[in-house]
Protein backbone atom coordinates (compact mmCIF):
# COMPACT_ATOMS: atom_id res chain seq x y z
CA MET A 1 52.35 16.94 246.41
CA ASN A 2 54.32 17.23 242.96
CA ILE A 3 56.59 20.12 241.67
CA SER A 4 53.91 21.35 239.38
CA THR A 5 50.81 21.28 241.87
CA ALA A 6 53.43 23.11 244.23
CA CYS A 7 53.94 26.13 241.53
CA ILE A 8 50.56 26.22 240.80
CA LEU A 9 49.72 26.84 244.62
CA ILE A 10 52.54 29.39 245.29
CA VAL A 11 51.42 31.56 242.14
CA SER A 12 47.97 31.46 243.50
CA ILE A 13 48.69 32.42 246.83
CA PHE A 14 50.94 35.31 245.52
CA PHE A 15 47.83 36.36 242.88
CA ILE A 16 45.82 36.52 246.04
CA TYR A 17 48.09 38.43 248.13
CA ALA A 18 48.59 40.98 245.52
CA ALA A 19 44.58 41.25 245.00
CA CYS A 20 43.94 41.60 248.93
CA SER A 21 46.91 44.24 249.45
CA ALA A 22 45.31 46.37 246.50
CA LYS A 23 41.97 46.36 248.58
CA THR A 24 43.22 46.85 252.02
CA GLY A 25 46.81 48.30 251.44
CA ALA A 26 47.94 51.60 252.36
CA GLN A 27 45.89 54.38 250.84
CA PRO A 28 48.15 56.84 248.69
CA GLU A 29 49.16 59.80 250.78
CA PRO A 30 46.84 62.61 250.37
CA GLU A 31 48.08 65.72 248.33
CA PRO A 32 49.45 68.64 250.69
CA LEU A 33 46.96 71.30 251.47
CA PRO A 34 47.65 74.76 249.60
CA ASP A 35 49.92 77.23 251.03
CA PHE A 36 47.32 79.95 251.16
CA ASP A 37 49.48 82.47 252.62
CA ALA A 38 51.44 82.42 249.13
CA LEU A 39 48.29 83.57 247.32
CA TRP A 40 48.09 87.03 249.42
CA ASP A 41 47.47 90.11 247.45
CA TYR A 42 47.50 92.88 249.49
CA ASN A 43 46.56 95.32 247.05
CA ASN A 44 43.69 93.40 245.68
CA PRO A 45 42.06 92.07 248.83
CA ASP A 46 38.92 91.41 246.78
CA SER A 47 40.62 88.91 244.30
CA THR A 48 42.21 87.57 247.10
CA GLU A 49 39.28 86.67 249.08
CA LYS A 50 37.79 85.05 246.15
CA LYS A 51 41.13 82.53 245.87
CA PHE A 52 40.66 81.58 249.58
CA GLN A 53 37.06 81.03 249.13
CA GLU A 54 38.06 78.87 246.57
CA LEU A 55 40.11 76.68 249.02
CA ILE A 56 37.07 76.07 251.66
CA PRO A 57 35.82 72.90 250.18
CA GLN A 58 39.47 71.33 249.95
CA ALA A 59 40.12 72.64 254.03
CA GLN A 60 36.58 71.51 255.27
CA ALA A 61 37.13 68.12 253.54
CA SER A 62 41.09 67.72 254.90
CA GLY A 63 39.64 67.24 258.48
CA ASN A 64 42.37 69.61 259.48
CA THR A 65 40.64 72.00 261.84
CA GLY A 66 43.48 74.19 262.46
CA TYR A 67 44.53 74.78 258.85
CA TYR A 68 40.53 75.46 257.92
CA ALA A 69 40.85 77.79 261.13
CA GLU A 70 43.84 80.06 259.93
CA LEU A 71 42.72 79.96 256.14
CA LEU A 72 39.03 81.84 257.83
CA THR A 73 41.38 84.30 259.65
CA GLN A 74 42.51 85.07 256.20
CA ILE A 75 39.35 85.44 254.68
CA ALA A 76 38.59 87.88 257.66
CA ARG A 77 41.30 89.66 256.66
CA THR A 78 40.64 90.47 252.78
CA GLN A 79 36.99 91.50 254.11
CA GLY A 80 38.02 94.07 256.75
CA LEU A 81 40.86 95.69 254.22
CA GLN A 82 37.27 95.89 251.85
CA ASN A 83 35.80 97.33 255.12
CA LYS A 84 33.28 94.33 255.17
CA PHE A 85 33.85 94.65 259.11
CA ASP A 86 30.62 92.91 259.79
CA GLU A 87 31.63 90.36 257.56
CA ALA A 88 35.15 90.10 259.04
CA HIS A 89 33.64 89.66 262.52
CA GLU A 90 31.14 86.83 261.58
CA THR A 91 33.90 85.15 259.79
CA LEU A 92 35.94 85.49 262.97
CA ASP A 93 32.95 83.98 265.25
CA ASP A 94 32.93 81.00 263.15
CA VAL A 95 36.84 80.71 263.92
CA GLU A 96 36.41 81.21 267.62
CA LYS A 97 34.14 78.38 267.96
CA MET A 98 36.42 76.34 266.02
CA LEU A 99 39.60 76.91 268.64
CA THR A 100 40.86 74.25 271.02
CA ASP A 101 43.61 74.92 273.71
CA ASP A 102 46.44 73.03 271.49
CA MET A 103 45.60 75.31 268.51
CA THR A 104 48.41 77.91 269.29
CA ARG A 105 48.95 79.29 265.50
CA PRO A 106 44.95 79.50 264.63
CA ARG A 107 44.44 81.27 267.71
CA ILE A 108 47.20 83.73 267.48
CA ARG A 109 46.41 84.39 264.08
CA TYR A 110 42.48 84.62 265.22
CA LEU A 111 43.62 87.19 267.66
CA LEU A 112 45.66 89.43 265.15
CA GLU A 113 42.88 89.28 262.54
CA ARG A 114 40.22 90.35 265.44
CA GLY A 115 42.08 93.06 266.40
CA ARG A 116 43.00 94.28 262.64
CA VAL A 117 39.13 94.45 261.97
CA TYR A 118 38.58 96.62 265.18
CA ASN A 119 41.53 98.71 264.06
CA SER A 120 40.71 99.26 260.77
CA SER A 121 36.77 100.04 262.17
CA GLY A 122 37.90 102.76 264.47
CA HIS A 123 38.00 100.77 267.39
CA GLN A 124 41.71 101.19 268.69
CA ASP A 125 40.53 100.55 271.93
CA LYS A 126 39.42 96.99 271.48
CA ALA A 127 42.03 96.23 269.15
CA ARG A 128 45.33 97.00 271.68
CA PRO A 129 44.49 93.78 274.23
CA LEU A 130 44.09 91.32 271.24
CA PHE A 131 47.45 92.63 269.61
CA LEU A 132 49.00 91.99 273.32
CA ALA A 133 47.65 88.73 273.87
CA ALA A 134 48.66 87.62 270.42
CA TYR A 135 52.37 89.15 271.19
CA THR A 136 52.55 87.15 274.61
CA MET A 137 51.55 84.13 273.15
CA GLY A 138 53.56 84.33 270.42
CA VAL A 139 56.72 84.86 272.64
CA GLN A 140 56.03 82.03 274.69
CA THR A 141 55.64 79.55 272.01
CA ASP A 142 58.45 80.59 269.74
CA LYS A 143 56.18 81.82 267.00
CA ASP A 144 58.42 84.84 266.02
CA TYR A 145 56.90 85.76 262.85
CA TYR A 146 53.41 86.36 264.36
CA ALA A 147 54.55 88.07 267.33
CA ILE A 148 56.43 90.74 265.58
CA ASP A 149 53.51 91.16 263.81
CA ALA A 150 51.36 91.85 266.92
CA VAL A 151 54.36 93.84 267.83
CA HIS A 152 54.22 95.95 264.78
CA MET A 153 50.45 96.25 265.11
CA LEU A 154 50.81 97.70 268.70
CA GLN A 155 53.07 100.28 267.55
CA ILE A 156 50.22 101.44 265.04
CA VAL A 157 47.44 101.66 267.88
CA GLU A 158 49.34 102.96 270.73
CA PRO A 159 49.61 107.04 270.91
CA PRO A 160 52.94 108.35 269.48
CA GLU A 161 54.93 108.52 272.87
CA LYS A 162 54.36 104.78 273.54
CA GLN A 163 54.85 103.83 269.54
CA LEU A 164 58.50 104.26 269.84
CA ASP A 165 59.19 101.84 272.43
CA TRP A 166 57.13 99.08 270.67
CA ALA A 167 58.90 100.02 267.31
CA LEU A 168 61.86 100.02 268.76
CA GLN A 169 61.20 96.46 270.57
CA ALA A 170 59.83 94.53 267.11
CA ILE A 171 63.25 95.79 265.41
CA ASP A 172 65.35 94.02 268.12
CA MET A 173 63.44 90.93 268.07
CA THR A 174 63.45 91.14 263.81
CA GLU A 175 66.63 91.79 263.86
CA LYS A 176 67.71 88.73 266.24
CA THR A 177 65.60 86.15 264.80
CA ALA A 178 66.77 83.03 263.11
CA ASP A 179 63.44 82.39 261.29
CA LEU A 180 63.84 84.11 258.12
CA ARG A 181 60.35 84.49 257.13
CA ALA A 182 60.24 86.39 260.16
CA LYS A 183 63.37 88.72 259.46
CA LYS A 184 61.30 89.77 256.42
CA TRP A 185 59.27 92.40 258.68
CA LEU A 186 62.45 94.78 258.78
CA GLY A 187 61.25 96.67 256.03
CA PRO A 188 57.79 97.34 256.95
CA LEU A 189 59.12 98.20 260.84
CA TYR A 190 61.54 100.60 259.53
CA ASN A 191 59.23 102.37 257.28
CA ASN A 192 56.69 102.33 260.39
CA THR A 193 59.55 103.97 262.69
CA GLY A 194 60.20 106.76 260.18
CA TRP A 195 56.12 107.29 260.06
CA THR A 196 56.68 107.37 263.96
CA TYR A 197 59.03 109.79 264.26
CA PHE A 198 57.47 111.90 261.68
CA ASP A 199 54.29 112.28 263.62
CA MET A 200 56.88 113.67 266.34
CA GLU A 201 57.83 115.96 263.93
CA GLN A 202 61.70 114.62 264.00
CA TYR A 203 61.79 114.91 260.44
CA GLU A 204 65.62 114.44 260.00
CA GLU A 205 65.01 111.04 262.77
CA ALA A 206 62.25 109.67 260.33
CA LEU A 207 64.46 110.42 257.17
CA LYS A 208 67.16 108.38 258.75
CA TRP A 209 64.56 105.63 259.05
CA PHE A 210 63.01 105.92 255.38
CA GLU A 211 66.05 105.32 253.89
CA LYS A 212 67.09 102.29 256.19
CA SER A 213 63.74 100.75 254.58
CA LEU A 214 64.71 102.02 251.15
CA THR A 215 68.31 100.16 251.71
CA TRP A 216 66.38 97.12 252.74
CA ARG A 217 63.88 97.01 249.86
CA GLN A 218 66.88 97.21 247.30
CA GLU A 219 68.36 94.21 248.94
CA GLN A 220 64.96 92.09 248.66
CA LYS A 221 65.10 93.46 245.12
CA ASP A 222 61.05 94.70 246.05
CA GLU A 223 60.17 96.96 243.33
CA GLN A 224 57.08 98.31 244.94
CA GLY A 225 58.58 98.67 248.08
CA ILE A 226 61.19 100.56 247.06
CA ARG A 227 58.91 102.66 245.24
CA ILE A 228 57.14 103.33 248.59
CA ALA A 229 60.54 103.92 250.54
CA GLN A 230 61.15 106.51 247.50
CA TRP A 231 57.96 108.23 248.15
CA THR A 232 58.41 108.32 252.04
CA ILE A 233 61.79 110.04 251.50
CA ALA A 234 60.43 112.72 249.34
CA ARG A 235 57.56 113.24 251.91
CA ALA A 236 60.31 113.82 254.32
CA TYR A 237 62.43 116.27 252.30
CA ARG A 238 59.44 118.20 251.90
CA ALA A 239 58.65 118.53 256.05
CA LEU A 240 62.25 119.36 256.12
CA GLY A 241 62.01 122.52 253.17
CA ARG A 242 63.88 120.58 250.69
CA THR A 243 61.07 121.02 248.29
CA GLU A 244 62.84 120.86 244.92
CA GLN A 245 64.55 117.63 245.73
CA ALA A 246 61.19 116.29 246.90
CA LEU A 247 59.84 117.52 243.82
CA GLU A 248 62.30 116.07 241.66
CA MET A 249 61.81 112.40 243.46
CA GLN A 250 57.77 112.40 243.15
CA LYS A 251 58.30 113.50 239.34
CA THR A 252 60.84 110.52 238.90
CA LEU A 253 58.32 108.22 240.51
CA GLU A 254 55.70 109.80 238.19
CA SER A 255 57.35 108.91 235.03
CA GLU A 256 58.59 105.39 236.44
CA ILE A 257 54.97 104.34 237.12
CA ASP A 258 54.00 105.91 233.32
CA ALA A 259 56.91 103.74 231.57
CA LYS A 260 55.76 100.64 233.44
CA GLY A 261 52.02 100.96 232.85
CA LEU A 262 51.44 101.15 236.38
CA PRO A 263 48.03 101.88 237.95
CA PRO A 264 47.77 105.63 238.85
CA ASP A 265 49.13 106.59 242.31
CA GLY A 266 47.08 109.53 243.67
CA TYR A 267 49.73 109.77 246.56
CA VAL A 268 52.27 110.75 243.85
CA TYR A 269 50.28 112.98 242.33
CA GLU A 270 49.32 114.29 245.56
CA GLU A 271 53.10 115.15 246.39
CA ILE A 272 53.96 116.50 243.16
CA ALA A 273 50.60 118.70 243.72
CA GLU A 274 51.86 119.78 247.52
CA CYS A 275 55.66 120.48 246.06
CA LEU A 276 54.26 122.58 243.84
CA HIS A 277 52.10 124.83 245.89
CA VAL A 278 54.86 125.05 248.28
CA LEU A 279 56.77 126.66 245.39
CA GLN A 280 53.84 128.66 244.55
CA ARG A 281 53.77 127.46 241.26
CA PHE A 282 49.88 127.51 241.67
CA GLU A 283 48.62 126.96 237.94
CA GLU A 284 51.27 123.57 238.05
CA ALA A 285 49.66 122.03 240.85
CA LYS A 286 46.03 122.45 240.25
CA PRO A 287 45.77 119.29 237.38
CA TYR A 288 48.24 117.32 239.81
CA PHE A 289 45.54 118.31 242.72
CA ARG A 290 42.78 116.98 240.28
CA LYS A 291 44.43 113.93 239.33
CA ALA A 292 45.31 113.41 243.23
CA HIS A 293 41.31 114.02 244.12
CA GLU A 294 40.06 111.53 241.17
CA VAL A 295 42.13 108.70 242.44
CA LEU A 296 42.14 108.83 246.08
CA SER A 297 38.58 109.86 246.20
CA GLN A 298 37.93 106.33 245.42
CA ASP A 299 39.47 104.90 248.33
CA THR A 300 36.84 104.09 250.76
CA TRP A 301 39.16 104.49 253.93
CA LEU A 302 39.91 108.06 253.07
CA VAL A 303 36.52 108.94 252.47
CA ASN A 304 35.57 107.50 255.72
CA ASN A 305 38.35 108.82 257.98
CA GLN A 306 40.20 111.93 256.06
CA ALA A 307 37.08 113.74 254.18
CA ASP A 308 38.74 117.66 254.50
CA ARG A 309 42.05 116.30 253.34
CA LEU A 310 39.98 115.25 250.07
CA LYS A 311 37.68 118.45 249.84
CA ARG A 312 40.98 120.15 249.94
CA LEU A 313 42.38 118.43 247.10
CA GLU A 314 39.36 119.30 245.04
CA GLU A 315 39.41 122.94 246.19
CA LEU A 316 42.82 123.40 245.14
CA SER A 317 42.28 121.91 241.70
CA LYS A 318 40.10 124.41 240.58
C-alpha cells in the first residue's frame, strides 16, 4: 500500500467514525426540569395553578415520577387555597397511587398537602395525624424544611394549650438548622407564635413575638411581610388599650397602600374602623366599616367561616 492510498484509507475511516458517532454517540443532556416552587404566588393561587398545570406535559415526558408527584401536590395546594377541596383530594389521590417506598420527599409533601386540604375544609381531626406523620418522616430523613412546615401546621391545628409547645419546638428547630431555606420559616413562626399568645389573651407576650416577626421581615427586606407584621403589632396595641397608637399605625398602612397603588386591604380598613369605634368616633368609622365589608365579603373563607364578623361590619357601616 502506497502513502497516498494509506492517507485515503485513514481519511475514510475518520469520516465513517464521525458519521457513526453522530448517529450513535451520547445524546445532549436534557434541559433541567423547572423549579415549580419558585413559581408560587400564594396571593394568587388560581394563576399559580395555571402555571403548574402548564408544566404537567413536561413532567410526564421526563419520566421523573417523583418530580411529577411533587408538582401535583402543589397543584392540590393551589386548589385547596381556592376552596376547591374535592378537586384537591382527587389530585392527591393521583399522587398517592404514584408513591413508592423510595419517594421520601414526595410522600412528605403528599402528607402535608392532604393535611392542609383537610384543615382548610374544617376537618382538623383528619389533618393532625397527617402532619404528625410528615413531621416524623421529615426528622428521620433530615428534610428540615418540610419537618418544620409540618410542625408549623401542627401548631395551627392543635388547641391553644398545645400550640405553644409545637411553636417553640418549631422555632428551636429553625434556629438550629443549617438549611438556609428552612431558616425562612422564622418569620411565619414568630408571627404564628404571637397569635398563639394573642388567642390566650397574653397580649404583651404576643406583642413581643409580633415585633420579632417585624424585625425578621425587615432583615429580609420583605415589603409585604413588613406590612403584615406592622398590622399585627397595631392589632396587639388595640388589644392592650393603646388604641391611638394602633389607629396611627393602621392609617400609615392605608396611606402606604394607596401611595403604592396596591389592592385595597379589608383588614386594614376593618382595624381602622374598630379603632375609631373604640374611640367613639362613630361617624368616621362608618365608611371604613363599609369598605372593610366590601372587600372582606369577597373572601370565600370568611363568608363560610366568619359570617357573624361580616354581618357586624355591614351593620356598623350604616
